[in-house]
Amino acid sequence: MSITVTQLSKVYGEQRAVNDISFALTKGEVVGFLGPNGAGKSTTMKMITGYLPPTSGTASVGGYDVVTHPIEVRQRIGYLPEANPLYTDMYVREFLTFIASIHKLGSNTEKRIAEVIGMTGLQPESKKKIGALSKGYKQRVGLAQALIHDPEVLILDEPTSGFDPNQLVDIRELISELGKEKTILLSTHIMQEVEAMCSRVIIINKGNIIADDSLTNLQQGRMDNGYIQVSFGDPLPTTAELQQLTGVTNVKQQDPRTWQLFAGNLEEVRKNLLQFALINNRNILSLQSNSQSLESIFRELTK
């Protein structure tokens, strides 16, 4: 199951909220969709799910166009919107039964409700009215309704909003596990969540995609910012020994025993450094990698 977006645009009067963007997601990917407020993230997600018609371009889910085959698309998508609209006068199980009926689960309804309640950790609050729940548990209800029909694609707009640190761990693990079998596109402003859950990042700014790459490539692609810091048991006679290592772009000495080795591929340099120490009988006291954080990359690209 896949998501394909081709030259997709959304225009409101003279404002281009989304400007001719293209990307594709495949099964087994958890992709972080990032951007400043007003960048076009939610608008793009609404077009993919069929809640907003595009001005131009196309979007498809599993080969079904969102405009010409909206029912087929919605059958395959689980959507958690940013606002998370819920019927607050309904009880949790009552609401999930209602959503299951929309998806025509029939005799499988009770079994599936029990499964999603377990998956999302709703057991302690499952007999309450939605309006009486905390923000975190309301968010769990929203996630449960997105999962009730076991969709192949998940579109999650700010899925971790309202969770405390303990709840974050549970939901992070759930999304990571679901991502092994489903296609997941999620939007969040919490960069640590992206680093924990996503293998790939798409960054949008002012309606345009400005980055689309794996998290590793984004972090290591800025060669002057990624480095390995190594401390030896004895001082090195010169920097030349380290500068000659394959993959090293620059070397800075911190003190007689400590050095910073800058590189594009930190893992390659780490291996070469360990081999260097073994061949030359150098005792390594400490070895630390320092790649550029996703937050700093995001700020650099969207400032």
Protein backbone atom coordinates (compact mmCIF):
# COMPACT_ATOMS: atom_id res chain seq x y z
CA MET A 1 0.00 0.00 0.00
CA SER A 2 1.39 3.38 -0.97
CA ILE A 3 0.75 7.12 -1.03
CA THR A 4 1.63 9.00 -4.23
CA VAL A 5 1.42 12.78 -4.46
CA THR A 6 2.10 14.38 -7.84
CA GLN A 7 2.34 18.14 -8.42
CA LEU A 8 -0.31 18.73 -5.77
CA SER A 9 -1.45 22.31 -5.13
CA LYS A 10 -4.06 24.09 -3.04
CA VAL A 11 -4.90 27.74 -3.65
CA TYR A 12 -7.12 30.00 -1.54
CA GLY A 13 -7.73 33.19 -3.49
CA GLU A 14 -4.25 34.65 -4.00
CA GLN A 15 -2.61 32.42 -1.39
CA ARG A 16 -0.92 29.18 -2.45
CA ALA A 17 -1.13 27.03 0.67
CA VAL A 18 0.48 24.06 -1.13
CA ASN A 19 2.59 24.65 -4.20
CA ASP A 20 3.07 21.87 -6.76
CA ILE A 21 4.53 19.24 -4.38
CA SER A 22 5.37 15.61 -5.15
CA PHE A 23 6.43 12.66 -2.98
CA ALA A 24 5.70 8.96 -2.53
CA LEU A 25 5.52 6.62 0.48
CA THR A 26 5.63 2.82 0.47
CA LYS A 27 4.55 0.10 2.88
CA GLY A 28 6.71 -0.17 5.99
CA GLU A 29 7.66 3.51 6.08
CA VAL A 30 7.05 5.89 8.99
CA VAL A 31 7.64 9.34 7.51
CA GLY A 32 7.77 12.56 9.48
CA PHE A 33 6.02 15.45 7.71
CA LEU A 34 7.51 18.60 9.20
CA GLY A 35 7.17 22.32 8.73
CA PRO A 36 6.50 25.59 10.57
CA ASN A 37 2.95 26.64 11.39
CA GLY A 38 1.14 27.53 8.17
CA ALA A 39 3.61 25.64 5.97
CA GLY A 40 0.91 23.47 4.37
CA LYS A 41 1.21 20.23 6.36
CA SER A 42 -2.40 19.88 7.48
CA THR A 43 -3.71 21.08 4.11
CA THR A 44 -1.68 18.40 2.34
CA MET A 45 -2.91 15.71 4.75
CA LYS A 46 -6.52 16.79 4.23
CA MET A 47 -6.11 16.53 0.47
CA ILE A 48 -4.60 13.03 0.73
CA THR A 49 -7.49 11.86 2.90
CA GLY A 50 -10.13 13.45 0.66
CA TYR A 51 -11.31 16.08 3.15
CA LEU A 52 -10.13 18.89 0.85
CA PRO A 53 -10.20 18.84 -2.96
CA PRO A 54 -6.89 19.83 -4.57
CA THR A 55 -6.74 22.86 -6.83
CA SER A 56 -4.44 20.96 -9.17
CA GLY A 57 -2.30 17.84 -9.23
CA THR A 58 -3.18 14.38 -7.95
CA ALA A 59 -2.96 12.25 -4.83
CA SER A 60 -3.59 8.52 -4.65
CA VAL A 61 -3.66 5.84 -1.98
CA GLY A 62 -2.97 2.26 -3.03
CA GLY A 63 -3.50 3.28 -6.64
CA TYR A 64 -6.90 4.93 -6.00
CA ASP A 65 -7.20 8.62 -6.85
CA VAL A 66 -8.56 10.62 -3.90
CA VAL A 67 -10.90 12.64 -6.13
CA THR A 68 -12.28 9.96 -8.44
CA HIS A 69 -12.32 7.08 -5.90
CA PRO A 70 -12.88 8.72 -2.49
CA ILE A 71 -14.68 5.75 -0.90
CA GLU A 72 -11.91 3.30 -1.80
CA VAL A 73 -9.33 5.73 -0.42
CA ARG A 74 -11.14 6.24 2.88
CA GLN A 75 -11.57 2.50 3.32
CA ARG A 76 -7.79 2.20 3.29
CA ILE A 77 -6.88 5.23 5.43
CA GLY A 78 -6.97 5.82 9.16
CA TYR A 79 -6.93 9.55 9.83
CA LEU A 80 -6.24 11.40 13.07
CA PRO A 81 -6.73 15.13 12.34
CA GLU A 82 -5.02 17.83 14.37
CA ALA A 83 -8.28 19.02 15.98
CA ASN A 84 -9.32 15.41 16.82
CA PRO A 85 -13.11 15.95 16.62
CA LEU A 86 -14.92 13.60 19.00
CA TYR A 87 -18.51 13.19 20.21
CA THR A 88 -17.90 14.17 23.82
CA ASP A 89 -21.37 13.07 25.02
CA MET A 90 -20.73 9.48 23.93
CA TYR A 91 -19.00 6.81 25.99
CA VAL A 92 -15.69 5.50 24.68
CA ARG A 93 -17.01 2.07 23.67
CA GLU A 94 -20.20 3.61 22.31
CA PHE A 95 -18.18 5.95 20.10
CA LEU A 96 -15.92 3.18 18.82
CA THR A 97 -18.99 1.02 18.08
CA PHE A 98 -20.41 3.91 16.06
CA ILE A 99 -17.17 4.29 14.08
CA ALA A 100 -17.03 0.52 13.52
CA SER A 101 -20.56 0.63 12.11
CA ILE A 102 -19.50 3.31 9.62
CA HIS A 103 -16.77 0.96 8.43
CA LYS A 104 -19.26 -1.94 8.38
CA LEU A 105 -17.22 -4.26 10.59
CA GLY A 106 -20.34 -6.30 11.44
CA SER A 107 -19.71 -9.36 13.61
CA ASN A 108 -16.07 -8.39 14.01
CA THR A 109 -16.97 -5.17 15.86
CA GLU A 110 -16.59 -6.26 19.50
CA LYS A 111 -13.36 -8.10 18.84
CA ARG A 112 -11.84 -5.16 17.02
CA ILE A 113 -12.94 -2.66 19.70
CA ALA A 114 -11.24 -4.79 22.34
CA GLU A 115 -8.09 -4.92 20.21
CA VAL A 116 -7.80 -1.16 19.64
CA ILE A 117 -8.61 -0.38 23.27
CA GLY A 118 -5.74 -2.65 24.25
CA MET A 119 -3.40 -1.22 21.60
CA THR A 120 -4.02 2.38 22.62
CA GLY A 121 -4.08 1.80 26.40
CA LEU A 122 -7.68 2.92 26.85
CA GLN A 123 -8.67 0.15 29.27
CA PRO A 124 -8.72 2.31 32.47
CA GLU A 125 -10.99 4.92 30.86
CA SER A 126 -13.01 2.80 28.42
CA LYS A 127 -16.28 3.06 30.41
CA LYS A 128 -16.22 6.85 30.72
CA LYS A 129 -17.80 9.55 28.62
CA ILE A 130 -15.29 11.07 26.18
CA GLY A 131 -15.97 14.54 27.58
CA ALA A 132 -14.72 13.42 31.01
CA LEU A 133 -11.33 12.24 29.69
CA SER A 134 -8.03 14.07 29.93
CA LYS A 135 -6.53 15.48 26.74
CA GLY A 136 -4.13 12.56 26.52
CA TYR A 137 -6.90 9.97 26.73
CA LYS A 138 -9.01 11.88 24.23
CA GLN A 139 -6.06 11.65 21.88
CA ARG A 140 -5.97 7.89 22.48
CA VAL A 141 -9.65 7.68 21.51
CA GLY A 142 -8.86 9.56 18.31
CA LEU A 143 -6.04 7.13 17.55
CA ALA A 144 -8.32 4.16 18.32
CA GLN A 145 -10.97 5.38 15.85
CA ALA A 146 -8.24 5.77 13.20
CA LEU A 147 -7.20 2.15 13.78
CA ILE A 148 -10.62 0.52 14.20
CA HIS A 149 -10.91 -0.76 10.61
CA ASP A 150 -7.26 -1.91 10.49
CA PRO A 151 -6.30 0.48 7.66
CA GLU A 152 -3.24 -0.03 5.49
CA VAL A 153 -2.34 3.68 5.61
CA LEU A 154 -2.29 6.01 8.63
CA ILE A 155 -2.32 9.81 8.36
CA LEU A 156 -1.58 11.23 11.82
CA ASP A 157 -1.61 15.00 12.39
CA GLU A 158 0.07 15.80 15.74
CA PRO A 159 -0.64 12.29 17.13
CA THR A 160 1.26 12.79 20.42
CA SER A 161 -0.43 16.06 21.40
CA GLY A 162 -1.50 16.08 25.05
CA PHE A 163 0.49 13.04 26.19
CA ASP A 164 2.62 13.05 29.32
CA PRO A 165 6.16 11.56 29.12
CA ASN A 166 5.01 8.07 30.16
CA GLN A 167 2.17 8.06 27.62
CA LEU A 168 4.56 9.29 24.92
CA VAL A 169 6.68 6.16 25.28
CA ASP A 170 3.63 3.90 24.85
CA ILE A 171 2.30 5.70 21.77
CA ARG A 172 5.77 5.99 20.24
CA GLU A 173 6.21 2.22 20.55
CA LEU A 174 2.74 1.62 19.09
CA ILE A 175 3.37 3.81 16.03
CA SER A 176 6.80 2.25 15.47
CA GLU A 177 5.28 -1.23 15.63
CA LEU A 178 2.40 -0.32 13.29
CA GLY A 179 4.93 1.16 10.88
CA LYS A 180 6.41 -2.26 10.20
CA GLU A 181 3.28 -3.31 8.32
CA LYS A 182 1.57 -0.05 7.37
CA THR A 183 2.36 3.18 5.57
CA ILE A 184 2.42 6.06 8.08
CA LEU A 185 2.65 9.79 7.44
CA LEU A 186 2.77 11.80 10.65
CA SER A 187 3.10 15.47 11.43
CA THR A 188 4.56 16.79 14.68
CA HIS A 189 6.49 19.73 16.11
CA ILE A 190 8.36 17.46 18.54
CA MET A 191 11.63 16.63 16.82
CA GLN A 192 12.57 13.99 19.39
CA GLU A 193 9.46 12.05 18.37
CA VAL A 194 10.51 12.13 14.72
CA GLU A 195 14.02 10.94 15.61
CA ALA A 196 12.52 8.11 17.67
CA MET A 197 9.87 6.91 15.20
CA CYS A 198 10.69 7.99 11.65
CA SER A 199 13.19 6.64 9.16
CA ARG A 200 12.50 9.42 6.67
CA VAL A 201 11.65 13.11 6.86
CA ILE A 202 9.81 15.43 4.48
CA ILE A 203 10.10 19.15 5.33
CA ILE A 204 7.66 21.64 3.83
CA ASN A 205 7.93 25.42 4.10
CA LYS A 206 5.61 28.04 2.58
CA GLY A 207 3.87 25.33 0.58
CA ASN A 208 7.07 23.94 -0.96
CA ILE A 209 8.98 20.77 -0.11
CA ILE A 210 12.52 21.79 0.81
CA ALA A 211 13.84 18.41 2.00
CA ASP A 212 12.92 14.76 1.48
CA ASP A 213 15.48 12.24 2.69
CA SER A 214 16.27 9.61 5.27
CA LEU A 215 16.91 10.91 8.77
CA THR A 216 20.47 9.54 8.62
CA ASN A 217 21.27 11.31 5.35
CA LEU A 218 19.85 14.60 6.59
CA GLN A 219 21.94 14.50 9.75
CA GLN A 220 25.15 13.28 8.17
CA GLY A 221 24.82 15.28 4.96
CA ARG A 222 25.99 18.44 6.68
CA MET A 223 29.64 17.50 6.84
CA ASP A 224 30.88 20.39 8.96
CA ASN A 225 28.44 19.64 11.75
CA GLY A 226 28.88 15.90 12.26
CA TYR A 227 31.96 14.75 14.10
CA ILE A 228 33.45 12.03 16.26
CA GLN A 229 35.28 13.05 19.42
CA VAL A 230 37.99 10.66 20.50
CA SER A 231 40.31 10.69 23.52
CA PHE A 232 43.51 8.65 23.47
CA GLY A 233 45.51 7.36 26.42
CA ASP A 234 48.66 9.08 25.11
CA PRO A 235 49.11 12.28 23.07
CA LEU A 236 49.45 11.90 19.29
CA PRO A 237 52.63 13.35 17.79
CA THR A 238 50.77 15.12 14.88
CA THR A 239 47.30 15.59 13.42
CA ALA A 240 48.44 13.97 10.16
CA GLU A 241 47.74 10.47 11.49
CA LEU A 242 44.05 11.29 11.88
CA GLN A 243 43.71 13.49 8.79
CA GLN A 244 44.79 10.56 6.63
CA LEU A 245 41.90 8.38 7.78
CA THR A 246 39.43 7.65 4.95
CA GLY A 247 36.29 9.75 5.26
CA VAL A 248 37.72 12.46 7.53
CA THR A 249 37.13 15.98 6.16
CA ASN A 250 38.66 18.00 9.00
CA VAL A 251 40.45 17.48 12.32
CA LYS A 252 40.41 19.75 15.37
CA GLN A 253 42.49 19.22 18.50
CA GLN A 254 40.75 19.86 21.81
CA ASP A 255 43.71 19.04 24.09
CA PRO A 256 46.86 16.86 23.79
CA ARG A 257 44.77 13.67 23.98
CA THR A 258 41.36 14.69 22.57
CA TRP A 259 40.43 15.26 18.93
CA GLN A 260 37.34 15.99 16.85
CA LEU A 261 37.12 14.23 13.48
CA PHE A 262 34.59 15.79 11.10
CA ALA A 263 33.02 13.61 8.42
CA GLY A 264 30.00 13.03 6.22
CA ASN A 265 29.73 9.34 7.15
CA LEU A 266 30.41 9.06 10.88
CA GLU A 267 29.97 5.29 10.97
CA GLU A 268 32.66 4.81 8.32
CA VAL A 269 35.10 7.04 10.21
CA ARG A 270 34.33 5.28 13.50
CA LYS A 271 35.31 1.92 11.94
CA ASN A 272 38.47 3.38 10.38
CA LEU A 273 39.41 5.01 13.68
CA LEU A 274 39.08 1.76 15.62
CA GLN A 275 41.19 -0.01 13.01
CA PHE A 276 43.81 2.78 13.24
CA ALA A 277 43.97 2.39 17.03
CA LEU A 278 44.36 -1.38 16.75
CA ILE A 279 47.14 -1.26 14.13
CA ASN A 280 49.06 1.51 15.87
CA ASN A 281 48.53 0.22 19.41
CA ARG A 282 46.68 3.38 20.48
CA ASN A 283 44.53 3.13 23.58
CA ILE A 284 41.13 4.86 23.11
CA LEU A 285 39.70 6.17 26.39
CA SER A 286 36.43 7.56 24.98
CA LEU A 287 34.64 7.76 21.65
CA GLN A 288 31.51 9.86 21.01
CA SER A 289 29.53 10.69 17.87
CA ASN A 290 27.94 14.10 17.47
CA SER A 291 25.73 14.45 14.39
CA GLN A 292 23.65 17.56 13.78
CA SER A 293 20.26 17.37 15.51
CA LEU A 294 17.08 17.31 13.48
CA GLU A 295 15.92 20.45 15.31
CA SER A 296 18.96 22.43 14.16
CA ILE A 297 18.55 21.12 10.59
CA PHE A 298 14.86 22.10 10.64
CA ARG A 299 15.66 25.62 11.87
CA GLU A 300 18.42 26.01 9.29
CA LEU A 301 16.16 24.97 6.40
CA THR A 302 13.03 26.90 7.42
CA LYS A 303 14.46 30.13 8.88
